[in-house]
Amino acid sequence: MFSLRSKKARVSNVWKVDYYSENDVDKTQQYNNLYQQNQLVIEKSGAYLIHYLYQGNLDYTESGNWKFNDNKTAIIFYRTTPGTDTSDLRILRLKENELWLLDGDSVRKEYRLVPF
């Protein structure tokens, strides 16, 4: 189905992980036990924020900027706090209420997100 909203408008949301896998093995339960109350806030302005409680007690917040790659098939996250780092996640699916991302380094990590 075709969306009239731009990719930027569709990706801008407050997301949570609904499904997580490593090398095609469902590890959603383990992920949710480690990263409780996980949120990914992606703003149209180009800012992002990640927040979760690690194992339910360590409060973690990360922030930075994001942009699409040149052909809009991936999102590049530029972390500025804490420390600096860059993550490039391929977009597998982007709809109004779904964002599927793939981190394909040494371990194939798939994140399926839904609105928080």
Protein backbone atom coordinates (compact mmCIF):
# COMPACT_ATOMS: atom_id res chain seq x y z
CA MET A 1 0.00 0.00 0.00
CA PHE A 2 1.22 3.46 -0.89
CA SER A 3 1.53 6.13 1.84
CA LEU A 4 1.02 9.83 1.22
CA ARG A 5 3.20 10.64 4.23
CA SER A 6 6.91 11.04 3.57
CA LYS A 7 9.43 8.56 4.97
CA LYS A 8 10.61 11.23 7.40
CA ALA A 9 7.05 11.77 8.65
CA ARG A 10 6.48 8.01 9.02
CA VAL A 11 9.75 7.35 10.87
CA SER A 12 9.22 10.28 13.27
CA ASN A 13 7.50 8.73 16.27
CA VAL A 14 8.00 7.25 19.73
CA TRP A 15 8.75 3.56 19.15
CA LYS A 16 9.21 0.44 21.28
CA VAL A 17 10.62 -2.96 20.35
CA ASP A 18 7.81 -5.45 19.71
CA TYR A 19 10.03 -8.21 18.26
CA TYR A 20 13.78 -8.82 18.37
CA SER A 21 15.83 -11.60 16.79
CA GLU A 22 19.48 -12.55 16.40
CA ASN A 23 20.41 -14.59 13.32
CA ASP A 24 16.68 -15.25 12.76
CA VAL A 25 16.17 -16.66 16.30
CA ASP A 26 13.41 -14.91 18.28
CA LYS A 27 14.94 -13.36 21.39
CA THR A 28 12.17 -10.88 22.19
CA GLN A 29 11.64 -12.13 25.75
CA GLN A 30 15.34 -11.92 26.60
CA TYR A 31 15.57 -8.45 25.02
CA ASN A 32 12.58 -7.15 26.99
CA ASN A 33 13.98 -8.58 30.23
CA LEU A 34 17.24 -6.70 29.70
CA TYR A 35 15.90 -3.46 28.17
CA GLN A 36 12.72 -2.72 30.09
CA GLN A 37 10.47 0.19 29.10
CA ASN A 38 12.54 0.65 25.94
CA GLN A 39 11.76 3.73 23.87
CA LEU A 40 13.22 5.12 20.67
CA VAL A 41 12.12 8.69 20.01
CA ILE A 42 12.82 9.85 16.45
CA GLU A 43 12.05 13.50 15.81
CA LYS A 44 11.46 15.20 12.45
CA SER A 45 14.08 17.77 13.46
CA GLY A 46 16.77 15.09 13.13
CA ALA A 47 17.23 14.40 16.85
CA TYR A 48 16.75 11.01 18.50
CA LEU A 49 16.65 9.65 22.04
CA ILE A 50 16.84 6.08 23.36
CA HIS A 51 15.73 5.33 26.89
CA TYR A 52 15.36 2.08 28.86
CA LEU A 53 15.89 0.50 32.26
CA TYR A 54 18.68 -2.07 31.99
CA GLN A 55 17.60 -5.17 33.93
CA GLY A 56 14.90 -3.03 35.51
CA ASN A 57 17.15 -0.81 37.60
CA LEU A 58 19.90 0.98 35.63
CA ASP A 59 18.42 4.04 33.92
CA TYR A 60 20.02 4.53 30.46
CA THR A 61 19.52 7.45 28.10
CA GLU A 62 21.25 8.01 24.79
CA SER A 63 20.78 10.92 22.42
CA GLY A 64 22.07 12.27 19.16
CA ASN A 65 21.07 12.96 15.58
CA TRP A 66 19.80 10.82 12.74
CA LYS A 67 19.41 10.96 8.98
CA PHE A 68 18.57 8.67 6.11
CA ASN A 69 21.33 7.38 3.87
CA ASP A 70 21.33 8.76 0.31
CA ASN A 71 18.73 6.36 -1.08
CA LYS A 72 16.64 6.27 2.14
CA THR A 73 17.12 2.54 2.68
CA ALA A 74 18.85 2.96 6.05
CA ILE A 75 18.84 5.23 9.08
CA ILE A 76 22.17 6.49 10.37
CA PHE A 77 22.23 7.31 14.08
CA TYR A 78 24.99 9.64 15.29
CA ARG A 79 25.23 9.23 19.07
CA THR A 80 26.49 12.30 20.93
CA THR A 81 25.63 11.32 24.53
CA PRO A 82 27.06 9.27 26.19
CA GLY A 83 30.22 9.36 24.12
CA THR A 84 30.11 9.32 20.34
CA ASP A 85 29.36 6.52 17.91
CA THR A 86 27.59 5.87 14.62
CA SER A 87 25.08 3.10 13.86
CA ASP A 88 23.74 2.34 10.40
CA LEU A 89 20.50 0.31 10.45
CA ARG A 90 18.87 -0.92 7.25
CA ILE A 91 15.14 -0.30 6.92
CA LEU A 92 13.29 -3.53 6.19
CA ARG A 93 9.79 -2.06 6.56
CA LEU A 94 8.43 1.42 7.28
CA LYS A 95 4.72 2.03 7.72
CA GLU A 96 2.65 4.34 9.88
CA ASN A 97 2.67 1.83 12.76
CA GLU A 98 5.67 -0.37 11.93
CA LEU A 99 9.40 0.18 11.70
CA TRP A 100 11.59 -2.86 11.06
CA LEU A 101 15.34 -2.34 11.25
CA LEU A 102 18.30 -4.62 10.60
CA ASP A 103 21.73 -4.32 12.18
CA GLY A 104 23.74 -6.77 10.12
CA ASP A 105 27.23 -6.66 11.61
CA SER A 106 28.68 -9.99 12.82
CA VAL A 107 25.30 -10.95 14.31
CA ARG A 108 22.15 -10.28 12.27
CA LYS A 109 19.94 -8.28 14.69
CA GLU A 110 16.41 -7.48 13.59
CA TYR A 111 14.25 -4.98 15.48
CA ARG A 112 10.53 -4.68 14.80
CA LEU A 113 9.15 -1.56 16.41
CA VAL A 114 5.63 -0.30 17.02
CA PRO A 115 4.42 3.00 18.47
CA PHE A 116 4.97 3.28 22.24
